[in-house]
Full PDB file with SEQRES, HELIX, SHEET, SSBOND, CRYST1, ORIGX, SCALE, CONECT and MASTER records, all heavy atoms in Angstrom:
SEQRES   1 A   43  ARG THR ALA VAL ILE MET VAL TRP LEU PRO GLY GLY LEU          
SEQRES   2 A   43  SER HIS ILE ASP THR TYR ASP PRO LYS PRO GLU ILE GLY          
SEQRES   3 A   43  SER GLU TYR ARG GLY PRO PHE SER THR ILE PRO THR LYS          
SEQRES   4 A   43  VAL PRO GLY LEU                                              
CRYST1    1.000    1.000    1.000  90.00  90.00  90.00 P 1           1          
ORIGX1      1.000000  0.000000  0.000000        0.00000                         
ORIGX2      0.000000  1.000000  0.000000        0.00000                         
ORIGX3      0.000000  0.000000  1.000000        0.00000                         
SCALE1      1.000000  0.000000  0.000000        0.00000                         
SCALE2      0.000000  1.000000  0.000000        0.00000                         
SCALE3      0.000000  0.000000  1.000000        0.00000                         
ATOM      1  N   ARG A   1      63.891  63.529 -28.770  1.00  0.00           N  
ATOM      2  CA  ARG A   1      64.218  64.936 -28.773  1.00  0.00           C  
ATOM      3  C   ARG A   1      65.668  65.068 -28.247  1.00  0.00           C  
ATOM      4  O   ARG A   1      66.286  64.142 -27.737  1.00  0.00           O  
ATOM      5  CB  ARG A   1      63.289  65.678 -27.838  1.00  0.00           C  
ATOM      6  CG  ARG A   1      63.254  65.221 -26.377  1.00  0.00           C  
ATOM      7  CD  ARG A   1      62.225  65.990 -25.622  1.00  0.00           C  
ATOM      8  NE  ARG A   1      62.340  65.871 -24.175  1.00  0.00           N  
ATOM      9  CZ  ARG A   1      61.479  65.238 -23.404  1.00  0.00           C  
ATOM     10  NH1 ARG A   1      60.366  64.645 -23.954  1.00  0.00           N  
ATOM     11  NH2 ARG A   1      61.591  65.170 -22.160  1.00  0.00           N  
ATOM     12  N   THR A   2      66.210  66.239 -28.469  1.00  0.00           N  
ATOM     13  CA  THR A   2      67.565  66.528 -28.123  1.00  0.00           C  
ATOM     14  C   THR A   2      67.526  67.689 -27.126  1.00  0.00           C  
ATOM     15  O   THR A   2      66.584  68.504 -27.084  1.00  0.00           O  
ATOM     16  CB  THR A   2      68.485  66.867 -29.325  1.00  0.00           C  
ATOM     17  OG1 THR A   2      67.886  68.053 -29.993  1.00  0.00           O  
ATOM     18  CG2 THR A   2      68.568  65.722 -30.272  1.00  0.00           C  
ATOM     19  N   ALA A   3      68.631  67.847 -26.339  1.00  0.00           N  
ATOM     20  CA  ALA A   3      68.860  68.991 -25.595  1.00  0.00           C  
ATOM     21  C   ALA A   3      69.448  70.141 -26.436  1.00  0.00           C  
ATOM     22  O   ALA A   3      69.954  69.838 -27.518  1.00  0.00           O  
ATOM     23  CB  ALA A   3      69.824  68.702 -24.375  1.00  0.00           C  
ATOM     24  N   VAL A   4      69.334  71.361 -25.984  1.00  0.00           N  
ATOM     25  CA  VAL A   4      69.817  72.527 -26.747  1.00  0.00           C  
ATOM     26  C   VAL A   4      70.708  73.400 -25.939  1.00  0.00           C  
ATOM     27  O   VAL A   4      70.305  73.809 -24.860  1.00  0.00           O  
ATOM     28  CB  VAL A   4      68.629  73.334 -27.338  1.00  0.00           C  
ATOM     29  CG1 VAL A   4      69.207  74.496 -28.122  1.00  0.00           C  
ATOM     30  CG2 VAL A   4      67.822  72.468 -28.334  1.00  0.00           C  
ATOM     31  N   ILE A   5      71.904  73.680 -26.426  1.00  0.00           N  
ATOM     32  CA  ILE A   5      72.749  74.740 -25.858  1.00  0.00           C  
ATOM     33  C   ILE A   5      72.761  75.863 -26.841  1.00  0.00           C  
ATOM     34  O   ILE A   5      73.139  75.676 -28.012  1.00  0.00           O  
ATOM     35  CB  ILE A   5      74.173  74.222 -25.604  1.00  0.00           C  
ATOM     36  CG1 ILE A   5      74.251  73.083 -24.637  1.00  0.00           C  
ATOM     37  CG2 ILE A   5      75.064  75.371 -25.128  1.00  0.00           C  
ATOM     38  CD1 ILE A   5      75.646  72.435 -24.515  1.00  0.00           C  
ATOM     39  N   MET A   6      72.267  77.052 -26.397  1.00  0.00           N  
ATOM     40  CA  MET A   6      72.376  78.233 -27.224  1.00  0.00           C  
ATOM     41  C   MET A   6      73.460  79.170 -26.722  1.00  0.00           C  
ATOM     42  O   MET A   6      73.389  79.528 -25.551  1.00  0.00           O  
ATOM     43  CB  MET A   6      70.962  78.945 -27.297  1.00  0.00           C  
ATOM     44  CG  MET A   6      71.082  80.153 -28.317  1.00  0.00           C  
ATOM     45  SD  MET A   6      69.521  81.182 -28.348  1.00  0.00           S  
ATOM     46  CE  MET A   6      69.631  81.924 -26.675  1.00  0.00           C  
ATOM     47  N   VAL A   7      74.360  79.431 -27.630  1.00  0.00           N  
ATOM     48  CA  VAL A   7      75.413  80.399 -27.234  1.00  0.00           C  
ATOM     49  C   VAL A   7      75.065  81.711 -27.861  1.00  0.00           C  
ATOM     50  O   VAL A   7      74.935  81.877 -29.086  1.00  0.00           O  
ATOM     51  CB  VAL A   7      76.840  79.912 -27.767  1.00  0.00           C  
ATOM     52  CG1 VAL A   7      77.928  80.913 -27.366  1.00  0.00           C  
ATOM     53  CG2 VAL A   7      77.158  78.524 -27.225  1.00  0.00           C  
ATOM     54  N   TRP A   8      74.848  82.755 -27.116  1.00  0.00           N  
ATOM     55  CA  TRP A   8      74.311  83.983 -27.500  1.00  0.00           C  
ATOM     56  C   TRP A   8      75.356  85.069 -27.557  1.00  0.00           C  
ATOM     57  O   TRP A   8      76.151  85.207 -26.594  1.00  0.00           O  
ATOM     58  CB  TRP A   8      73.174  84.504 -26.538  1.00  0.00           C  
ATOM     59  CG  TRP A   8      72.435  85.715 -26.900  1.00  0.00           C  
ATOM     60  CD1 TRP A   8      72.451  86.879 -26.327  1.00  0.00           C  
ATOM     61  CD2 TRP A   8      71.521  85.841 -27.961  1.00  0.00           C  
ATOM     62  NE1 TRP A   8      71.585  87.740 -26.894  1.00  0.00           N  
ATOM     63  CE2 TRP A   8      70.955  87.131 -27.947  1.00  0.00           C  
ATOM     64  CE3 TRP A   8      71.023  84.970 -28.948  1.00  0.00           C  
ATOM     65  CZ2 TRP A   8      70.087  87.668 -28.904  1.00  0.00           C  
ATOM     66  CZ3 TRP A   8      70.106  85.426 -29.905  1.00  0.00           C  
ATOM     67  CH2 TRP A   8      69.617  86.766 -29.808  1.00  0.00           C  
ATOM     68  N   LEU A   9      75.419  85.777 -28.656  1.00  0.00           N  
ATOM     69  CA  LEU A   9      76.420  86.883 -28.859  1.00  0.00           C  
ATOM     70  C   LEU A   9      75.700  88.187 -28.857  1.00  0.00           C  
ATOM     71  O   LEU A   9      75.264  88.705 -29.928  1.00  0.00           O  
ATOM     72  CB  LEU A   9      77.166  86.634 -30.205  1.00  0.00           C  
ATOM     73  CG  LEU A   9      77.712  85.256 -30.417  1.00  0.00           C  
ATOM     74  CD1 LEU A   9      78.399  85.143 -31.788  1.00  0.00           C  
ATOM     75  CD2 LEU A   9      78.640  84.842 -29.300  1.00  0.00           C  
ATOM     76  N   PRO A  10      75.497  88.801 -27.693  1.00  0.00           N  
ATOM     77  CA  PRO A  10      74.717  90.016 -27.567  1.00  0.00           C  
ATOM     78  C   PRO A  10      75.357  91.200 -28.320  1.00  0.00           C  
ATOM     79  O   PRO A  10      76.471  91.576 -28.026  1.00  0.00           O  
ATOM     80  CB  PRO A  10      74.661  90.269 -26.049  1.00  0.00           C  
ATOM     81  CG  PRO A  10      75.869  89.667 -25.516  1.00  0.00           C  
ATOM     82  CD  PRO A  10      76.143  88.468 -26.409  1.00  0.00           C  
ATOM     83  N   GLY A  11      74.525  91.796 -29.185  1.00  0.00           N  
ATOM     84  CA  GLY A  11      75.112  92.907 -30.073  1.00  0.00           C  
ATOM     85  C   GLY A  11      75.361  92.575 -31.451  1.00  0.00           C  
ATOM     86  O   GLY A  11      75.359  93.360 -32.332  1.00  0.00           O  
ATOM     87  N   GLY A  12      75.577  91.222 -31.713  1.00  0.00           N  
ATOM     88  CA  GLY A  12      75.660  90.750 -33.045  1.00  0.00           C  
ATOM     89  C   GLY A  12      77.125  90.606 -33.597  1.00  0.00           C  
ATOM     90  O   GLY A  12      77.879  91.614 -33.441  1.00  0.00           O  
ATOM     91  N   LEU A  13      77.382  89.560 -34.181  1.00  0.00           N  
ATOM     92  CA  LEU A  13      78.695  89.226 -34.780  1.00  0.00           C  
ATOM     93  C   LEU A  13      78.757  89.750 -36.207  1.00  0.00           C  
ATOM     94  O   LEU A  13      77.825  89.519 -37.023  1.00  0.00           O  
ATOM     95  CB  LEU A  13      78.899  87.710 -34.713  1.00  0.00           C  
ATOM     96  CG  LEU A  13      80.174  87.177 -35.378  1.00  0.00           C  
ATOM     97  CD1 LEU A  13      81.380  87.530 -34.605  1.00  0.00           C  
ATOM     98  CD2 LEU A  13      80.055  85.617 -35.511  1.00  0.00           C  
ATOM     99  N   SER A  14      79.870  90.329 -36.597  1.00  0.00           N  
ATOM    100  CA  SER A  14      80.088  90.743 -37.933  1.00  0.00           C  
ATOM    101  C   SER A  14      80.353  89.557 -38.836  1.00  0.00           C  
ATOM    102  O   SER A  14      81.426  88.895 -38.736  1.00  0.00           O  
ATOM    103  CB  SER A  14      81.351  91.703 -38.099  1.00  0.00           C  
ATOM    104  OG  SER A  14      81.683  91.900 -39.404  1.00  0.00           O  
ATOM    105  N   HIS A  15      79.342  89.192 -39.731  1.00  0.00           N  
ATOM    106  CA  HIS A  15      79.527  88.061 -40.613  1.00  0.00           C  
ATOM    107  C   HIS A  15      80.611  88.310 -41.627  1.00  0.00           C  
ATOM    108  O   HIS A  15      81.344  87.373 -42.015  1.00  0.00           O  
ATOM    109  CB  HIS A  15      78.211  87.777 -41.321  1.00  0.00           C  
ATOM    110  CG  HIS A  15      77.573  88.818 -42.087  1.00  0.00           C  
ATOM    111  ND1 HIS A  15      77.155  90.036 -41.460  1.00  0.00           N  
ATOM    112  CD2 HIS A  15      77.398  89.032 -43.426  1.00  0.00           C  
ATOM    113  CE1 HIS A  15      76.691  90.852 -42.455  1.00  0.00           C  
ATOM    114  NE2 HIS A  15      76.831  90.294 -43.578  1.00  0.00           N  
ATOM    115  N   ILE A  16      80.881  89.582 -42.090  1.00  0.00           N  
ATOM    116  CA  ILE A  16      81.908  89.800 -42.972  1.00  0.00           C  
ATOM    117  C   ILE A  16      83.307  89.435 -42.466  1.00  0.00           C  
ATOM    118  O   ILE A  16      84.134  89.097 -43.210  1.00  0.00           O  
ATOM    119  CB  ILE A  16      81.846  91.372 -43.416  1.00  0.00           C  
ATOM    120  CG1 ILE A  16      80.527  91.703 -44.116  1.00  0.00           C  
ATOM    121  CG2 ILE A  16      83.033  91.795 -44.250  1.00  0.00           C  
ATOM    122  CD1 ILE A  16      80.397  91.019 -45.465  1.00  0.00           C  
ATOM    123  N   ASP A  17      83.443  89.644 -41.156  1.00  0.00           N  
ATOM    124  CA  ASP A  17      84.800  89.490 -40.601  1.00  0.00           C  
ATOM    125  C   ASP A  17      84.916  88.045 -39.953  1.00  0.00           C  
ATOM    126  O   ASP A  17      85.974  87.758 -39.331  1.00  0.00           O  
ATOM    127  CB  ASP A  17      84.989  90.533 -39.436  1.00  0.00           C  
ATOM    128  CG  ASP A  17      85.072  91.936 -39.994  1.00  0.00           C  
ATOM    129  OD1 ASP A  17      85.790  92.240 -40.913  1.00  0.00           O  
ATOM    130  OD2 ASP A  17      84.276  92.717 -39.520  1.00  0.00           O  
ATOM    131  N   THR A  18      83.935  87.128 -40.217  1.00  0.00           N  
ATOM    132  CA  THR A  18      84.010  85.871 -39.574  1.00  0.00           C  
ATOM    133  C   THR A  18      83.627  84.766 -40.514  1.00  0.00           C  
ATOM    134  O   THR A  18      84.444  84.225 -41.237  1.00  0.00           O  
ATOM    135  CB  THR A  18      83.198  85.822 -38.289  1.00  0.00           C  
ATOM    136  OG1 THR A  18      81.815  86.206 -38.629  1.00  0.00           O  
ATOM    137  CG2 THR A  18      83.731  86.708 -37.177  1.00  0.00           C  
ATOM    138  N   TYR A  19      82.318  84.492 -40.589  1.00  0.00           N  
ATOM    139  CA  TYR A  19      81.833  83.299 -41.287  1.00  0.00           C  
ATOM    140  C   TYR A  19      81.427  83.508 -42.770  1.00  0.00           C  
ATOM    141  O   TYR A  19      81.198  82.531 -43.475  1.00  0.00           O  
ATOM    142  CB  TYR A  19      80.555  82.737 -40.558  1.00  0.00           C  
ATOM    143  CG  TYR A  19      80.822  82.266 -39.216  1.00  0.00           C  
ATOM    144  CD1 TYR A  19      80.444  82.974 -38.072  1.00  0.00           C  
ATOM    145  CD2 TYR A  19      81.510  81.007 -38.943  1.00  0.00           C  
ATOM    146  CE1 TYR A  19      80.685  82.518 -36.781  1.00  0.00           C  
ATOM    147  CE2 TYR A  19      81.767  80.582 -37.663  1.00  0.00           C  
ATOM    148  CZ  TYR A  19      81.388  81.305 -36.595  1.00  0.00           C  
ATOM    149  OH  TYR A  19      81.648  80.846 -35.290  1.00  0.00           O  
ATOM    150  N   ASP A  20      81.377  84.809 -43.207  1.00  0.00           N  
ATOM    151  CA  ASP A  20      81.005  85.031 -44.580  1.00  0.00           C  
ATOM    152  C   ASP A  20      81.851  86.132 -45.167  1.00  0.00           C  
ATOM    153  O   ASP A  20      81.392  87.235 -45.590  1.00  0.00           O  
ATOM    154  CB  ASP A  20      79.480  85.528 -44.529  1.00  0.00           C  
ATOM    155  CG  ASP A  20      78.834  85.550 -45.902  1.00  0.00           C  
ATOM    156  OD1 ASP A  20      79.500  85.105 -46.932  1.00  0.00           O  
ATOM    157  OD2 ASP A  20      77.745  86.082 -45.999  1.00  0.00           O  
ATOM    158  N   PRO A  21      83.160  85.912 -45.259  1.00  0.00           N  
ATOM    159  CA  PRO A  21      84.062  86.920 -45.701  1.00  0.00           C  
ATOM    160  C   PRO A  21      83.871  87.218 -47.207  1.00  0.00           C  
ATOM    161  O   PRO A  21      83.431  86.311 -47.953  1.00  0.00           O  
ATOM    162  CB  PRO A  21      85.448  86.342 -45.419  1.00  0.00           C  
ATOM    163  CG  PRO A  21      85.225  84.867 -45.434  1.00  0.00           C  
ATOM    164  CD  PRO A  21      83.821  84.647 -44.856  1.00  0.00           C  
ATOM    165  N   LYS A  22      84.145  88.518 -47.562  1.00  0.00           N  
ATOM    166  CA  LYS A  22      84.001  88.901 -48.991  1.00  0.00           C  
ATOM    167  C   LYS A  22      85.340  89.523 -49.397  1.00  0.00           C  
ATOM    168  O   LYS A  22      85.435  90.750 -49.512  1.00  0.00           O  
ATOM    169  CB  LYS A  22      82.860  89.866 -49.141  1.00  0.00           C  
ATOM    170  CG  LYS A  22      81.503  89.378 -48.575  1.00  0.00           C  
ATOM    171  CD  LYS A  22      80.872  88.369 -49.481  1.00  0.00           C  
ATOM    172  CE  LYS A  22      79.507  87.923 -48.993  1.00  0.00           C  
ATOM    173  NZ  LYS A  22      78.871  86.920 -49.813  1.00  0.00           N  
ATOM    174  N   PRO A  23      86.319  88.750 -49.711  1.00  0.00           N  
ATOM    175  CA  PRO A  23      87.639  89.264 -49.974  1.00  0.00           C  
ATOM    176  C   PRO A  23      87.763  90.139 -51.210  1.00  0.00           C  
ATOM    177  O   PRO A  23      88.711  90.940 -51.332  1.00  0.00           O  
ATOM    178  CB  PRO A  23      88.521  87.964 -50.097  1.00  0.00           C  
ATOM    179  CG  PRO A  23      87.607  86.923 -50.473  1.00  0.00           C  
ATOM    180  CD  PRO A  23      86.314  87.246 -49.795  1.00  0.00           C  
ATOM    181  N   GLU A  24      86.740  89.966 -52.111  1.00  0.00           N  
ATOM    182  CA  GLU A  24      86.812  90.750 -53.377  1.00  0.00           C  
ATOM    183  C   GLU A  24      86.232  92.120 -53.232  1.00  0.00           C  
ATOM    184  O   GLU A  24      86.311  92.985 -54.211  1.00  0.00           O  
ATOM    185  CB  GLU A  24      86.088  89.946 -54.470  1.00  0.00           C  
ATOM    186  CG  GLU A  24      84.529  89.917 -54.362  1.00  0.00           C  
ATOM    187  CD  GLU A  24      84.093  88.888 -53.307  1.00  0.00           C  
ATOM    188  OE1 GLU A  24      84.933  88.230 -52.676  1.00  0.00           O  
ATOM    189  OE2 GLU A  24      82.890  88.710 -53.112  1.00  0.00           O  
ATOM    190  N   ILE A  25      85.568  92.538 -52.117  1.00  0.00           N  
ATOM    191  CA  ILE A  25      84.909  93.795 -52.075  1.00  0.00           C  
ATOM    192  C   ILE A  25      85.910  94.900 -51.736  1.00  0.00           C  
ATOM    193  O   ILE A  25      87.074  94.648 -51.256  1.00  0.00           O  
ATOM    194  CB  ILE A  25      83.725  93.738 -51.058  1.00  0.00           C  
ATOM    195  CG1 ILE A  25      84.332  93.370 -49.640  1.00  0.00           C  
ATOM    196  CG2 ILE A  25      82.659  92.917 -51.483  1.00  0.00           C  
ATOM    197  CD1 ILE A  25      83.300  93.383 -48.580  1.00  0.00           C  
ATOM    198  N   GLY A  26      85.554  96.143 -51.905  1.00  0.00           N  
ATOM    199  CA  GLY A  26      86.374  97.336 -51.710  1.00  0.00           C  
ATOM    200  C   GLY A  26      86.713  97.540 -50.233  1.00  0.00           C  
ATOM    201  O   GLY A  26      86.140  96.979 -49.353  1.00  0.00           O  
ATOM    202  N   SER A  27      87.717  98.450 -50.064  1.00  0.00           N  
ATOM    203  CA  SER A  27      88.196  98.688 -48.729  1.00  0.00           C  
ATOM    204  C   SER A  27      87.193  99.297 -47.800  1.00  0.00           C  
ATOM    205  O   SER A  27      87.329  99.242 -46.590  1.00  0.00           O  
ATOM    206  CB  SER A  27      89.463  99.575 -48.817  1.00  0.00           C  
ATOM    207  OG  SER A  27      89.145 100.784 -49.431  1.00  0.00           O  
ATOM    208  N   GLU A  28      86.129  99.957 -48.383  1.00  0.00           N  
ATOM    209  CA  GLU A  28      85.124 100.569 -47.550  1.00  0.00           C  
ATOM    210  C   GLU A  28      84.252  99.555 -46.877  1.00  0.00           C  
ATOM    211  O   GLU A  28      83.468  99.843 -45.948  1.00  0.00           O  
ATOM    212  CB  GLU A  28      84.302 101.567 -48.353  1.00  0.00           C  
ATOM    213  CG  GLU A  28      83.357 100.995 -49.341  1.00  0.00           C  
ATOM    214  CD  GLU A  28      84.047 100.861 -50.734  1.00  0.00           C  
ATOM    215  OE1 GLU A  28      85.243 100.632 -50.802  1.00  0.00           O  
ATOM    216  OE2 GLU A  28      83.311 100.895 -51.722  1.00  0.00           O  
ATOM    217  N   TYR A  29      84.376  98.256 -47.350  1.00  0.00           N  
ATOM    218  CA  TYR A  29      83.559  97.140 -46.765  1.00  0.00           C  
ATOM    219  C   TYR A  29      84.558  96.135 -46.144  1.00  0.00           C  
ATOM    220  O   TYR A  29      84.229  95.622 -44.992  1.00  0.00           O  
ATOM    221  CB  TYR A  29      82.772  96.440 -47.871  1.00  0.00           C  
ATOM    222  CG  TYR A  29      81.598  97.172 -48.368  1.00  0.00           C  
ATOM    223  CD1 TYR A  29      81.722  98.216 -49.295  1.00  0.00           C  
ATOM    224  CD2 TYR A  29      80.352  96.866 -47.939  1.00  0.00           C  
ATOM    225  CE1 TYR A  29      80.618  98.866 -49.784  1.00  0.00           C  
ATOM    226  CE2 TYR A  29      79.244  97.536 -48.345  1.00  0.00           C  
ATOM    227  CZ  TYR A  29      79.396  98.589 -49.341  1.00  0.00           C  
ATOM    228  OH  TYR A  29      78.295  99.235 -49.766  1.00  0.00           O  
ATOM    229  N   ARG A  30      85.580  95.812 -46.772  1.00  0.00           N  
ATOM    230  CA  ARG A  30      86.425  94.807 -46.315  1.00  0.00           C  
ATOM    231  C   ARG A  30      87.285  95.152 -45.059  1.00  0.00           C  
ATOM    232  O   ARG A  30      87.907  96.172 -45.057  1.00  0.00           O  
ATOM    233  CB  ARG A  30      87.372  94.308 -47.417  1.00  0.00           C  
ATOM    234  CG  ARG A  30      88.211  93.050 -47.156  1.00  0.00           C  
ATOM    235  CD  ARG A  30      89.147  92.644 -48.320  1.00  0.00           C  
ATOM    236  NE  ARG A  30      90.115  93.717 -48.503  1.00  0.00           N  
ATOM    237  CZ  ARG A  30      90.151  94.500 -49.632  1.00  0.00           C  
ATOM    238  NH1 ARG A  30      89.172  94.431 -50.524  1.00  0.00           N  
ATOM    239  NH2 ARG A  30      91.071  95.397 -49.802  1.00  0.00           N  
ATOM    240  N   GLY A  31      87.336  94.276 -44.110  1.00  0.00           N  
ATOM    241  CA  GLY A  31      88.178  94.516 -42.962  1.00  0.00           C  
ATOM    242  C   GLY A  31      89.634  94.100 -43.262  1.00  0.00           C  
ATOM    243  O   GLY A  31      89.877  93.754 -44.315  1.00  0.00           O  
ATOM    244  N   PRO A  32      90.446  94.194 -42.263  1.00  0.00           N  
ATOM    245  CA  PRO A  32      91.899  93.872 -42.436  1.00  0.00           C  
ATOM    246  C   PRO A  32      92.258  92.344 -42.432  1.00  0.00           C  
ATOM    247  O   PRO A  32      93.424  92.032 -42.532  1.00  0.00           O  
ATOM    248  CB  PRO A  32      92.575  94.559 -41.330  1.00  0.00           C  
ATOM    249  CG  PRO A  32      91.485  94.566 -40.149  1.00  0.00           C  
ATOM    250  CD  PRO A  32      90.259  94.632 -40.855  1.00  0.00           C  
ATOM    251  N   PHE A  33      91.251  91.565 -42.220  1.00  0.00           N  
ATOM    252  CA  PHE A  33      91.625  90.120 -41.989  1.00  0.00           C  
ATOM    253  C   PHE A  33      91.587  89.325 -43.299  1.00  0.00           C  
ATOM    254  O   PHE A  33      90.719  89.485 -44.089  1.00  0.00           O  
ATOM    255  CB  PHE A  33      90.533  89.507 -41.051  1.00  0.00           C  
ATOM    256  CG  PHE A  33      90.305  90.410 -39.765  1.00  0.00           C  
ATOM    257  CD1 PHE A  33      89.131  90.970 -39.525  1.00  0.00           C  
ATOM    258  CD2 PHE A  33      91.401  90.588 -38.876  1.00  0.00           C  
ATOM    259  CE1 PHE A  33      88.949  91.764 -38.365  1.00  0.00           C  
ATOM    260  CE2 PHE A  33      91.253  91.373 -37.756  1.00  0.00           C  
ATOM    261  CZ  PHE A  33      89.962  91.961 -37.525  1.00  0.00           C  
ATOM    262  N   SER A  34      92.584  88.492 -43.387  1.00  0.00           N  
ATOM    263  CA  SER A  34      92.700  87.588 -44.513  1.00  0.00           C  
ATOM    264  C   SER A  34      91.749  86.373 -44.299  1.00  0.00           C  
ATOM    265  O   SER A  34      91.305  86.078 -43.269  1.00  0.00           O  
ATOM    266  CB  SER A  34      94.140  87.074 -44.742  1.00  0.00           C  
ATOM    267  OG  SER A  34      94.524  86.383 -43.626  1.00  0.00           O  
ATOM    268  N   THR A  35      91.459  85.701 -45.444  1.00  0.00           N  
ATOM    269  CA  THR A  35      90.585  84.516 -45.381  1.00  0.00           C  
ATOM    270  C   THR A  35      91.469  83.275 -45.297  1.00  0.00           C  
ATOM    271  O   THR A  35      92.629  83.269 -45.819  1.00  0.00           O  
ATOM    272  CB  THR A  35      89.701  84.429 -46.589  1.00  0.00           C  
ATOM    273  OG1 THR A  35      90.460  84.338 -47.814  1.00  0.00           O  
ATOM    274  CG2 THR A  35      88.711  85.630 -46.644  1.00  0.00           C  
ATOM    275  N   ILE A  36      90.901  82.247 -44.677  1.00  0.00           N  
ATOM    276  CA  ILE A  36      91.617  80.952 -44.587  1.00  0.00           C  
ATOM    277  C   ILE A  36      90.640  79.863 -44.994  1.00  0.00           C  
ATOM    278  O   ILE A  36      89.427  79.951 -44.824  1.00  0.00           O  
ATOM    279  CB  ILE A  36      92.130  80.684 -43.181  1.00  0.00           C  
ATOM    280  CG1 ILE A  36      90.974  80.754 -42.202  1.00  0.00           C  
ATOM    281  CG2 ILE A  36      93.201  81.695 -42.806  1.00  0.00           C  
ATOM    282  CD1 ILE A  36      91.405  80.316 -40.704  1.00  0.00           C  
ATOM    283  N   PRO A  37      91.178  78.752 -45.641  1.00  0.00           N  
ATOM    284  CA  PRO A  37      90.335  77.623 -45.932  1.00  0.00           C  
ATOM    285  C   PRO A  37      89.985  76.861 -44.642  1.00  0.00           C  
ATOM    286  O   PRO A  37      90.584  76.938 -43.618  1.00  0.00           O  
ATOM    287  CB  PRO A  37      91.199  76.776 -46.801  1.00  0.00           C  
ATOM    288  CG  PRO A  37      92.634  77.071 -46.350  1.00  0.00           C  
ATOM    289  CD  PRO A  37      92.577  78.546 -46.023  1.00  0.00           C  
ATOM    290  N   THR A  38      88.880  76.190 -44.679  1.00  0.00           N  
ATOM    291  CA  THR A  38      88.422  75.348 -43.600  1.00  0.00           C  
ATOM    292  C   THR A  38      88.484  73.897 -44.017  1.00  0.00           C  
ATOM    293  O   THR A  38      88.898  73.567 -45.142  1.00  0.00           O  
ATOM    294  CB  THR A  38      86.919  75.662 -43.297  1.00  0.00           C  
ATOM    295  OG1 THR A  38      86.025  75.114 -44.201  1.00  0.00           O  
ATOM    296  CG2 THR A  38      86.716  77.114 -43.057  1.00  0.00           C  
ATOM    297  N   LYS A  39      88.099  72.973 -43.134  1.00  0.00           N  
ATOM    298  CA  LYS A  39      88.144  71.549 -43.461  1.00  0.00           C  
ATOM    299  C   LYS A  39      87.094  71.169 -44.520  1.00  0.00           C  
ATOM    300  O   LYS A  39      87.132  70.132 -45.061  1.00  0.00           O  
ATOM    301  CB  LYS A  39      87.954  70.737 -42.175  1.00  0.00           C  
ATOM    302  CG  LYS A  39      88.387  69.304 -42.348  1.00  0.00           C  
ATOM    303  CD  LYS A  39      88.377  68.597 -41.036  1.00  0.00           C  
ATOM    304  CE  LYS A  39      88.840  67.131 -41.170  1.00  0.00           C  
ATOM    305  NZ  LYS A  39      88.948  66.380 -39.898  1.00  0.00           N  
ATOM    306  N   VAL A  40      86.141  72.071 -44.709  1.00  0.00           N  
ATOM    307  CA  VAL A  40      85.093  71.833 -45.739  1.00  0.00           C  
ATOM    308  C   VAL A  40      85.535  72.506 -47.082  1.00  0.00           C  
ATOM    309  O   VAL A  40      85.727  73.759 -47.135  1.00  0.00           O  
ATOM    310  CB  VAL A  40      83.785  72.460 -45.275  1.00  0.00           C  
ATOM    311  CG1 VAL A  40      82.677  72.227 -46.369  1.00  0.00           C  
ATOM    312  CG2 VAL A  40      83.278  71.797 -43.988  1.00  0.00           C  
ATOM    313  N   PRO A  41      85.657  71.760 -48.122  1.00  0.00           N  
ATOM    314  CA  PRO A  41      86.094  72.341 -49.350  1.00  0.00           C  
ATOM    315  C   PRO A  41      85.133  73.496 -49.839  1.00  0.00           C  
ATOM    316  O   PRO A  41      83.908  73.294 -49.799  1.00  0.00           O  
ATOM    317  CB  PRO A  41      85.995  71.169 -50.361  1.00  0.00           C  
ATOM    318  CG  PRO A  41      86.192  69.949 -49.486  1.00  0.00           C  
ATOM    319  CD  PRO A  41      85.493  70.319 -48.220  1.00  0.00           C  
ATOM    320  N   GLY A  42      85.715  74.607 -50.225  1.00  0.00           N  
ATOM    321  CA  GLY A  42      84.867  75.726 -50.707  1.00  0.00           C  
ATOM    322  C   GLY A  42      84.391  76.648 -49.625  1.00  0.00           C  
ATOM    323  O   GLY A  42      83.891  77.744 -49.886  1.00  0.00           O  
ATOM    324  N   LEU A  43      84.556  76.248 -48.373  1.00  0.00           N  
ATOM    325  CA  LEU A  43      84.069  77.080 -47.241  1.00  0.00           C  
ATOM    326  C   LEU A  43      85.321  77.861 -46.660  1.00  0.00           C  
ATOM    327  O   LEU A  43      86.305  77.170 -46.249  1.00  0.00           O  
ATOM    328  CB  LEU A  43      83.483  76.221 -46.162  1.00  0.00           C  
ATOM    329  CG  LEU A  43      83.012  76.976 -44.862  1.00  0.00           C  
ATOM    330  CD1 LEU A  43      81.901  77.980 -45.194  1.00  0.00           C  
ATOM    331  CD2 LEU A  43      82.469  75.941 -43.856  1.00  0.00           C  
TER     332      LEU A  43                                                      
MASTER        0    0    0    0    0    0    0    6  331    1    0    4          
END                                                                             
């Protein structure tokens, strides 16, 4: 078995503005932040 560290973000993180950006959607959805590539191709 392994130990577990859970990092809790109370109130909820905006996935659109962080881990699941949708740059092609309209301004009523898209925030002001640009997307950047990660070390994982396609992510």
